[in-house]
């Protein structure tokens, strides 16, 4: 079980970083899975890729 305050803080931090709400939902899902026990490397990689897929990154070279 994931603490409600942790979820709320995570959501707020993602919002302040200007990232879509989907990032917070995917991170929360990952943390929930980890709280139930160790994950296989493949599962960790799957969750990581799911988060990376929705991150909005700035292009430093854009003018």
Protein backbone atom coordinates (compact mmCIF):
# COMPACT_ATOMS: atom_id res chain seq x y z
CA UNK A 1 0.00 0.00 0.00
CA UNK A 2 1.29 3.43 -0.93
CA UNK A 3 0.92 6.33 1.49
CA UNK A 4 -1.61 8.94 0.33
CA UNK A 5 0.71 11.80 1.27
CA UNK A 6 3.44 10.31 -0.92
CA UNK A 7 1.06 10.04 -3.88
CA UNK A 8 -0.11 13.62 -3.37
CA UNK A 9 3.46 14.90 -3.12
CA UNK A 10 4.48 12.99 -6.23
CA UNK A 11 1.54 14.41 -8.20
CA UNK A 12 2.32 17.95 -7.05
CA UNK A 13 6.02 17.60 -7.89
CA UNK A 14 5.23 16.31 -11.38
CA UNK A 15 2.80 19.21 -11.90
CA UNK A 16 5.38 21.76 -10.72
CA UNK A 17 7.91 20.26 -13.13
CA UNK A 18 5.49 20.95 -15.98
CA UNK A 19 5.04 17.27 -16.81
CA UNK A 20 1.75 15.67 -17.82
CA UNK A 21 -0.40 13.99 -15.17
CA UNK A 22 0.30 10.68 -16.91
CA UNK A 23 3.87 10.83 -15.56
CA UNK A 24 2.56 10.92 -11.97
CA UNK A 25 0.11 8.09 -12.64
CA UNK A 26 2.81 5.87 -14.12
CA UNK A 27 5.28 6.64 -11.33
CA UNK A 28 2.57 5.90 -8.76
CA UNK A 29 1.77 2.58 -10.43
CA UNK A 30 5.48 1.68 -10.37
CA UNK A 31 5.81 2.57 -6.68
CA UNK A 32 2.68 0.55 -5.85
CA UNK A 33 4.18 -2.50 -7.55
CA UNK A 34 7.49 -2.04 -5.74
CA UNK A 35 5.68 -1.74 -2.40
CA UNK A 36 4.28 -5.24 -2.90
CA UNK A 37 7.71 -6.82 -3.22
CA UNK A 38 10.81 -6.91 -5.39
CA UNK A 39 10.32 -6.55 -9.12
CA UNK A 40 12.16 -8.47 -11.79
CA UNK A 41 14.60 -6.41 -13.86
CA UNK A 42 12.28 -6.76 -16.84
CA UNK A 43 9.37 -5.32 -14.86
CA UNK A 44 11.47 -2.39 -13.65
CA UNK A 45 12.57 -1.75 -17.23
CA UNK A 46 8.96 -1.88 -18.43
CA UNK A 47 7.85 0.68 -15.82
CA UNK A 48 10.84 2.91 -16.57
CA UNK A 49 10.10 2.89 -20.30
CA UNK A 50 6.42 3.64 -19.61
CA UNK A 51 7.44 6.74 -17.64
CA UNK A 52 10.05 7.81 -20.20
CA UNK A 53 7.49 7.51 -23.00
CA UNK A 54 5.35 10.30 -21.53
CA UNK A 55 8.04 12.67 -20.23
CA UNK A 56 8.12 15.99 -22.02
CA UNK A 57 11.73 17.01 -22.56
CA UNK A 58 12.97 20.40 -23.73
CA UNK A 59 15.22 20.59 -26.75
CA UNK A 60 18.18 22.72 -25.65
CA UNK A 61 19.20 23.26 -29.28
CA UNK A 62 15.84 24.73 -30.30
CA UNK A 63 16.04 28.42 -31.27
